[in-house]
Protein backbone atom coordinates (compact mmCIF):
# COMPACT_ATOMS: atom_id res chain seq x y z
CA MET A 1 -0.14 -81.88 162.76
CA GLN A 2 1.49 -84.87 160.37
CA GLN A 3 -0.12 -87.19 162.32
CA LYS A 4 -3.72 -85.85 162.32
CA ARG A 5 -3.29 -85.51 158.37
CA ALA A 6 -2.43 -89.49 158.20
CA SER A 7 -5.05 -90.51 160.38
CA SER A 8 -7.57 -88.27 158.47
CA SER A 9 -6.11 -90.14 155.15
CA ASP A 10 -6.48 -93.61 156.87
CA LEU A 11 -10.14 -92.78 157.48
CA LYS A 12 -10.77 -91.60 154.21
CA ARG A 13 -9.35 -94.75 152.64
CA ARG A 14 -11.62 -96.79 154.93
CA GLU A 15 -14.64 -94.70 154.08
CA THR A 16 -14.20 -95.70 150.32
CA THR A 17 -13.66 -99.36 150.90
CA GLU A 18 -16.72 -99.86 153.42
CA PRO A 19 -20.15 -99.70 151.96
CA GLU A 20 -22.11 -97.10 153.38
CA GLU A 21 -25.54 -98.03 154.90
CA PRO A 22 -28.52 -95.91 154.30
CA GLN A 23 -29.00 -93.19 156.82
CA THR A 24 -32.57 -92.67 158.19
CA PRO A 25 -33.23 -88.96 158.83
CA HIS A 26 -33.37 -88.03 162.03
CA LYS A 27 -36.68 -86.41 163.02
CA VAL A 28 -36.74 -83.45 165.76
CA ALA A 29 -40.28 -83.49 167.23
CA LYS A 30 -41.82 -80.24 167.27
CA LEU A 31 -42.61 -78.85 170.97
CA GLU A 32 -46.19 -78.12 171.26
CA TRP A 33 -47.60 -75.64 173.72
CA THR A 34 -49.12 -77.49 176.37
CA TYR A 35 -49.64 -74.63 179.12
CA GLY A 36 -52.55 -72.40 179.44
CA ASP A 37 -52.89 -69.62 176.80
CA LEU A 38 -52.80 -66.38 178.75
CA ASN A 39 -54.86 -63.66 177.19
CA LEU A 40 -54.74 -60.69 179.79
CA LEU A 41 -57.71 -59.09 177.16
CA HIS A 42 -59.99 -62.00 177.99
CA ARG A 43 -58.85 -62.77 181.36
CA TYR A 44 -59.67 -59.22 183.18
CA VAL A 45 -62.70 -56.75 182.66
CA ASP A 46 -61.57 -53.38 181.55
CA ALA A 47 -61.13 -51.63 184.98
CA GLN A 48 -58.96 -54.42 186.39
CA PHE A 49 -57.02 -54.73 182.98
CA GLU A 50 -56.30 -50.84 183.09
CA SER A 51 -55.65 -50.86 187.07
CA TYR A 52 -52.87 -53.75 186.28
CA LEU A 53 -51.62 -52.93 182.96
CA HIS A 54 -52.19 -49.03 183.06
CA MET A 55 -53.61 -48.56 179.60
CA ARG A 56 -56.60 -49.24 177.74
CA LYS A 57 -57.46 -52.58 176.18
CA LEU A 58 -57.50 -51.19 172.70
CA SER A 59 -54.00 -49.97 173.05
CA PHE A 60 -53.07 -53.34 174.42
CA LEU A 61 -54.65 -54.64 171.23
CA ARG A 62 -53.03 -52.45 168.90
CA ILE A 63 -49.38 -52.71 170.49
CA GLN A 64 -50.27 -56.67 170.11
CA GLN A 65 -50.80 -56.43 166.50
CA ALA A 66 -47.84 -53.67 165.93
CA LEU A 67 -45.56 -56.38 167.40
CA GLU A 68 -46.93 -59.56 165.60
CA GLU A 69 -44.47 -59.60 162.73
CA ILE A 70 -41.39 -59.44 164.79
CA LEU A 71 -42.60 -61.85 167.57
CA GLN A 72 -43.77 -64.72 165.20
CA ASN A 73 -40.01 -66.09 164.93
CA ILE A 74 -39.04 -66.27 168.62
CA THR A 75 -37.81 -69.65 169.61
CA LEU A 76 -37.10 -70.56 173.39
CA PRO A 77 -34.33 -73.16 174.06
CA GLY A 78 -35.96 -76.39 175.26
CA TYR A 79 -39.44 -74.84 175.32
CA PRO A 80 -42.10 -74.45 172.71
CA SER A 81 -42.81 -71.04 171.32
CA PRO A 82 -45.59 -69.47 173.25
CA PRO A 83 -48.93 -68.02 171.35
CA PRO A 84 -48.36 -64.57 170.45
CA GLN A 85 -50.96 -63.20 172.74
CA THR A 86 -49.24 -65.35 175.90
CA LEU A 87 -45.91 -63.75 174.66
CA VAL A 88 -47.05 -60.26 174.91
CA SER A 89 -49.17 -60.50 177.89
CA LEU A 90 -46.34 -62.12 179.99
CA ALA A 91 -44.00 -59.55 178.75
CA MET A 92 -46.17 -56.36 179.41
CA TRP A 93 -47.25 -57.93 182.72
CA LYS A 94 -43.48 -57.89 183.93
CA LEU A 95 -43.13 -54.27 182.46
CA ALA A 96 -46.52 -52.69 184.01
CA THR A 97 -46.27 -54.33 187.53
CA ASP A 98 -43.72 -54.78 190.21
CA GLU A 99 -43.86 -58.25 190.46
CA HIS A 100 -40.95 -60.76 190.24
CA PHE A 101 -40.78 -63.85 187.77
CA GLU A 102 -41.71 -66.20 190.68
CA GLU A 103 -44.61 -64.39 191.53
CA ILE A 104 -45.63 -64.02 187.90
CA SER A 105 -44.98 -67.86 187.31
CA ARG A 106 -47.35 -68.92 190.15
CA LYS A 107 -50.10 -66.48 189.41
CA TYR A 108 -50.20 -67.72 185.95
CA GLN A 109 -49.19 -71.41 186.51
CA LEU A 110 -46.17 -71.37 184.12
CA PRO A 111 -42.67 -72.65 184.94
CA TRP A 112 -40.36 -69.90 186.33
CA ALA A 113 -37.70 -70.45 183.85
CA LEU A 114 -40.25 -70.38 181.06
CA CYS A 115 -41.67 -67.11 182.25
CA GLN A 116 -38.13 -65.72 182.04
CA GLN A 117 -37.11 -66.98 178.79
CA VAL A 118 -40.54 -65.73 177.42
CA VAL A 119 -39.88 -62.34 178.89
CA ARG A 120 -36.32 -61.70 177.91
CA SER A 121 -36.79 -63.02 174.30
CA PHE A 122 -39.30 -60.02 174.26
CA TRP A 123 -36.56 -57.52 175.47
CA ASN A 124 -34.07 -58.72 173.14
CA VAL A 125 -36.27 -58.63 169.86
CA ILE A 126 -37.41 -55.16 170.71
CA SER A 127 -33.78 -54.14 171.33
CA ASP A 128 -33.08 -55.66 168.38
CA ASN A 129 -35.73 -53.58 166.45
CA TYR A 130 -34.79 -50.28 168.51
CA GLU A 131 -35.03 -48.08 165.49
CA SER A 132 -38.47 -49.00 164.76
CA PHE A 133 -39.76 -47.68 167.94
CA ILE A 134 -37.13 -44.93 169.16
CA LYS A 135 -36.74 -43.04 166.09
CA TRP A 136 -34.24 -40.33 165.89
CA PRO A 137 -35.51 -37.95 162.94
CA ASN A 138 -32.82 -38.23 160.36
CA SER A 139 -34.66 -37.20 157.40
CA LEU A 140 -35.05 -33.75 156.34
CA ALA A 141 -38.73 -34.28 156.45
CA ALA A 142 -38.64 -35.83 160.12
CA GLN A 143 -36.24 -33.25 161.07
CA GLN A 144 -38.47 -30.05 160.03
CA SER A 145 -41.59 -32.00 161.60
CA THR A 146 -39.69 -32.19 164.90
CA LEU A 147 -38.58 -28.56 165.16
CA GLN A 148 -42.49 -27.43 163.87
CA ALA A 149 -43.95 -29.59 166.72
CA TYR A 150 -42.79 -27.33 169.47
CA GLN A 151 -44.31 -24.29 167.90
CA SER A 152 -47.65 -25.87 168.85
CA LEU A 153 -46.81 -25.71 172.28
CA PRO A 154 -47.46 -21.95 173.52
CA GLN A 155 -44.68 -22.11 176.11
CA LEU A 156 -42.04 -23.32 174.10
CA LYS A 157 -42.89 -21.83 170.71
CA CYS A 158 -40.31 -19.06 171.31
CA PHE A 159 -37.19 -21.64 170.75
CA LYS A 160 -37.72 -21.53 167.13
CA GLU A 161 -34.72 -24.02 166.76
CA LEU A 162 -35.64 -26.45 169.56
CA PHE A 163 -35.15 -29.97 168.56
CA GLY A 164 -35.24 -32.07 171.46
CA ILE A 165 -35.08 -32.06 175.39
CA ILE A 166 -32.80 -34.30 177.29
CA THR A 167 -33.20 -35.38 180.82
CA LEU A 168 -31.38 -37.59 183.20
CA LYS A 169 -32.94 -40.01 186.11
CA ARG A 170 -31.09 -41.88 188.53
CA LEU A 171 -32.23 -45.50 189.23
CA ASP A 172 -31.29 -48.29 191.74
CA VAL A 173 -31.39 -51.64 190.29
CA PHE A 174 -30.44 -54.95 191.50
CA LEU A 175 -27.82 -56.66 189.37
CA GLU A 176 -27.23 -60.45 189.75
CA SER A 177 -23.73 -60.00 188.34
CA GLU A 178 -22.85 -57.87 191.20
CA HIS A 179 -24.94 -59.25 193.97
CA ALA A 180 -25.82 -55.87 195.08
CA GLU A 181 -27.89 -52.48 194.20
CA VAL A 182 -26.23 -50.65 191.91
CA PRO A 183 -27.05 -47.00 190.99
CA VAL A 184 -27.64 -46.27 187.20
CA VAL A 185 -28.66 -43.47 185.28
CA LEU A 186 -31.06 -43.07 182.34
CA GLN A 187 -30.73 -40.45 179.56
CA LEU A 188 -33.45 -39.75 177.54
CA ILE A 189 -34.39 -37.28 174.73
CA CYS A 190 -37.92 -36.75 174.02
CA ASN A 191 -39.69 -34.48 171.56
CA ALA A 192 -42.83 -32.41 171.51
CA GLU A 193 -45.18 -35.22 171.22
CA LYS A 194 -43.65 -36.76 174.60
CA LYS A 195 -42.09 -39.48 172.30
CA ILE A 196 -38.54 -40.75 172.95
CA ILE A 197 -36.28 -40.14 170.38
CA ASP A 198 -33.15 -41.48 172.17
CA CYS A 199 -32.34 -43.72 175.24
CA TYR A 200 -29.15 -44.51 177.08
CA VAL A 201 -28.34 -46.41 180.45
CA GLU A 202 -25.09 -46.26 182.00
CA LEU A 203 -23.56 -46.90 185.67
CA ALA A 204 -23.60 -43.81 187.39
CA ASN A 205 -20.28 -43.64 188.61
CA GLU A 206 -19.18 -44.15 184.65
CA TYR A 207 -21.51 -41.57 183.09
CA THR A 208 -20.56 -38.47 181.14
CA PHE A 209 -22.56 -36.90 178.70
CA GLU A 210 -19.66 -36.74 176.51
CA GLU A 211 -19.28 -40.54 176.32
CA SER A 212 -22.82 -41.32 175.65
CA PRO A 213 -23.66 -42.74 172.19
CA ILE A 214 -25.48 -38.92 171.17
CA GLY A 215 -23.03 -37.22 172.57
CA GLN A 216 -20.26 -38.73 170.81
CA THR A 217 -22.24 -38.53 167.87
CA LEU A 218 -23.26 -34.89 168.08
CA ALA A 219 -19.60 -33.90 168.67
CA LEU A 220 -18.36 -35.93 165.75
CA ASN A 221 -21.27 -34.74 163.50
CA PRO A 222 -23.24 -31.67 164.36
CA ARG A 223 -25.14 -32.40 161.51
CA THR A 224 -27.18 -35.10 163.25
CA MET A 225 -29.45 -32.41 163.83
CA PRO A 226 -30.39 -29.33 161.51
CA ALA A 227 -27.86 -26.45 160.99
CA GLY A 228 -28.54 -24.20 164.20
CA SER A 229 -30.60 -26.36 166.31
CA TYR A 230 -30.25 -27.31 169.69
CA LEU A 231 -31.60 -29.48 172.69
CA ILE A 232 -32.28 -28.22 176.09
CA GLY A 233 -31.44 -29.83 179.51
CA ASN A 234 -30.80 -29.32 183.13
CA SER A 235 -27.66 -28.20 184.83
CA VAL A 236 -26.39 -31.77 184.92
CA PHE A 237 -25.44 -31.27 181.09
CA PRO A 238 -22.53 -29.42 179.72
CA LEU A 239 -23.04 -26.20 177.44
CA LYS A 240 -22.66 -26.75 173.95
CA SER A 241 -23.41 -25.02 170.67
CA TYR A 242 -25.93 -27.63 170.36
CA LEU A 243 -27.25 -28.04 173.93
CA MET A 244 -28.58 -25.19 175.89
CA ARG A 245 -28.40 -25.42 179.81
CA PRO A 246 -29.39 -22.75 182.63
CA ILE A 247 -27.13 -20.24 183.52
CA GLU A 248 -25.40 -21.18 186.80
CA SER A 249 -24.83 -17.88 188.36
CA GLU A 250 -27.53 -15.46 187.57
CA CYS A 251 -25.83 -11.75 187.65
CA PHE A 252 -28.40 -10.16 185.81
CA ARG A 253 -32.42 -10.04 185.35
CA LYS A 254 -31.65 -11.20 181.73
CA ASP A 255 -30.14 -14.58 183.02
CA ALA A 256 -32.93 -14.95 185.42
CA VAL A 257 -35.57 -14.54 182.53
CA PHE A 258 -33.51 -17.18 180.14
CA ASN A 259 -33.50 -19.43 182.91
CA ASP A 260 -37.37 -19.29 183.48
CA LEU A 261 -37.69 -19.64 179.94
CA LEU A 262 -36.28 -23.22 180.02
CA LYS A 263 -38.18 -24.33 182.62
CA PRO A 264 -41.40 -25.65 180.59
CA ALA A 265 -38.95 -27.63 178.75
CA PHE A 266 -37.89 -29.19 182.02
CA HIS A 267 -41.58 -29.93 183.05
CA LEU A 268 -42.15 -31.58 179.76
CA ALA A 269 -39.36 -33.81 180.40
CA GLU A 270 -40.62 -34.80 184.07
CA GLU A 271 -44.15 -35.51 182.37
CA VAL A 272 -42.46 -38.18 180.12
CA LEU A 273 -40.57 -39.66 183.19
CA ASP A 274 -43.49 -39.66 185.10
CA ALA A 275 -45.63 -41.42 182.26
CA LEU A 276 -43.01 -44.17 182.34
CA ALA A 277 -43.19 -44.71 186.19
CA ARG A 278 -46.88 -44.66 186.08
CA ARG A 279 -47.30 -46.90 183.36
CA PHE A 280 -44.21 -49.49 183.66
CA ASN A 281 -44.16 -50.10 187.59
CA THR A 282 -41.18 -52.45 187.20
CA LEU A 283 -39.12 -49.40 187.48
CA TYR A 284 -39.93 -49.33 191.10
CA ALA A 285 -38.44 -52.84 191.75
CA LEU A 286 -35.87 -53.17 188.76
CA GLU A 287 -33.67 -56.13 188.80
CA ALA A 288 -31.42 -57.59 185.78
CA ARG A 289 -28.80 -60.04 185.37
CA ASP A 290 -26.18 -57.25 184.33
CA LEU A 291 -26.02 -53.70 182.94
CA ASN A 292 -26.65 -55.17 179.31
CA GLU A 293 -29.91 -56.43 180.44
CA VAL A 294 -30.99 -53.11 182.17
CA ARG A 295 -30.35 -51.58 178.84
CA LEU A 296 -32.75 -54.19 177.16
CA ILE A 297 -35.46 -53.41 179.69
CA MET A 298 -35.22 -49.63 179.37
CA GLU A 299 -35.37 -50.07 175.60
CA SER A 300 -38.54 -51.82 175.71
CA ILE A 301 -40.28 -49.65 178.20
CA CYS A 302 -39.36 -46.73 176.00
CA ALA A 303 -40.64 -48.48 172.86
CA MET A 304 -43.84 -49.49 174.65
CA HIS A 305 -44.18 -45.86 175.83
CA ASN A 306 -43.67 -44.59 172.26
CA LEU A 307 -46.31 -47.04 170.99
CA CYS A 308 -48.90 -45.87 173.74
CA GLU A 309 -48.55 -42.31 172.65
CA GLU A 310 -48.59 -43.38 169.06
CA PHE A 311 -51.84 -45.07 170.00
CA LYS A 312 -53.01 -41.96 172.02
CA ASP A 313 -53.91 -43.81 175.06
CA ASP A 314 -55.48 -41.65 177.32
CA TYR A 315 -55.42 -43.83 180.47
CA LEU A 316 -52.87 -41.87 182.30
CA VAL A 317 -54.38 -38.48 181.52
CA GLN A 318 -57.79 -39.78 183.09
CA LEU A 319 -55.80 -41.47 186.20
CA ALA A 320 -53.91 -37.94 186.73
CA ASN A 321 -57.12 -35.74 186.44
CA SER A 322 -59.05 -38.20 189.10
CA GLU A 323 -56.19 -38.11 191.47
CA GLY A 324 -55.86 -34.25 191.07
CA GLN A 325 -52.13 -34.49 190.42
CA ILE A 326 -49.75 -34.73 187.61
CA ASN A 327 -46.16 -35.13 188.74
CA PHE A 328 -44.77 -37.34 191.73
CA THR A 329 -41.55 -38.39 192.89
CA TRP A 330 -39.99 -41.57 191.67
CA GLY A 331 -36.23 -42.99 191.36
CA GLY A 332 -33.56 -40.11 192.27
CA ILE A 333 -32.37 -36.75 191.53
CA VAL A 334 -28.83 -36.57 189.66
CA ASP A 335 -27.46 -34.00 192.03
CA ASP A 336 -23.74 -35.08 192.06
CA ILE A 337 -23.13 -34.37 188.65
CA LYS A 338 -22.54 -30.52 187.25
CA GLY A 339 -22.34 -29.97 183.41
CA SER A 340 -19.48 -27.62 182.34
CA GLU A 341 -20.46 -24.08 181.15
CA SER A 342 -16.71 -23.35 179.64
CA ASN A 343 -17.25 -24.30 176.00
CA THR A 344 -16.86 -21.20 174.02
CA LYS A 345 -19.07 -22.04 171.22
CA GLY A 346 -21.87 -22.95 173.57
CA LEU A 347 -21.30 -19.72 175.23
CA ARG A 348 -21.45 -17.80 172.22
CA ARG A 349 -24.76 -19.72 171.07
CA ARG A 350 -26.23 -19.08 174.11
CA VAL A 351 -25.62 -15.41 174.44
CA ASP A 352 -26.78 -15.03 170.82
CA LEU A 353 -30.22 -16.92 171.98
CA MET A 354 -30.70 -14.59 174.82
CA ASP A 355 -30.17 -11.57 172.80
CA GLU A 356 -33.11 -13.29 170.68
CA LEU A 357 -35.46 -14.21 173.33
CA VAL A 358 -34.97 -11.64 176.25
CA ALA A 359 -35.79 -8.14 175.62
CA MET A 360 -33.10 -5.40 177.08
CA GLU A 361 -34.19 -3.10 179.73
CA PRO A 362 -32.25 0.05 181.00
CA GLY A 363 -29.78 -1.22 183.52
CA ASP A 364 -29.22 -4.51 182.01
């Protein structure tokens, strides 16, 4: 340390005795975008566009406008910043199709590394603005609106304190960090408007509801939801005072009736999951560098889904009507996880809810 100080002092003395030469400011040339401008709205006619992007052109335009402000400051190391329409077009194409980066690079004649940087910068920006797109109802007004929205659904209006529907889906993802396909689980909570209000991804062998962010938050602060309200989930979730699930062993008629009343909630959750897979085909060939990138991708998918719902895009509805089907199978069922029903407060809350919803009959 002493030697370093001495050499530093000597340097300072030399700096004071030697005249300084004027420094010419070093100008960094701004990189100009020299590649073709990609605008999917202009490239494809309506029918082609909808078959590739699985949404209306107007919805795509409104999404592009909604993202304009947060995307304008994106910079790419070693590359010029792409025009906004090119950035959104590349990112949405990657999410909407099952094409890999190599295929997209060849299709649109852009460097493979540039395609990766553009799309990954999009994922990161959406994740940085997570709460702008995936909104947990925090204010009193938002919470009351969330509760009241279920009253407009005939099959769920009996649940006066229903706050959200939670569901779980298994996906096999190729992780570069593992050089293998790895099973992960996607946990979502949706509202009556089929918007996603919470999204979480974890390795399948490490997942538990209690250790998920919303599981920890609700355990520590039940006031995250209005007093007396609850989520509804299927049998993979544990019974809690704030999370209702089916009765595993139906011993009485009342048990079976209660379980039947829960089924429309599960159906709504399946409709949300189906919408994700129909619109964002990257879910069929999901690949990422690591688990963190899987989370970025899923957050981007959920955010874009919510914008499509916000803008009332009806392409999937028309598609389902023309195909004569609504639901289809994708991903995997999480059948190796069984939630516990031993929570005392949960048992008490479920009994109270059953008494409220199911009329007693002689012999029950």
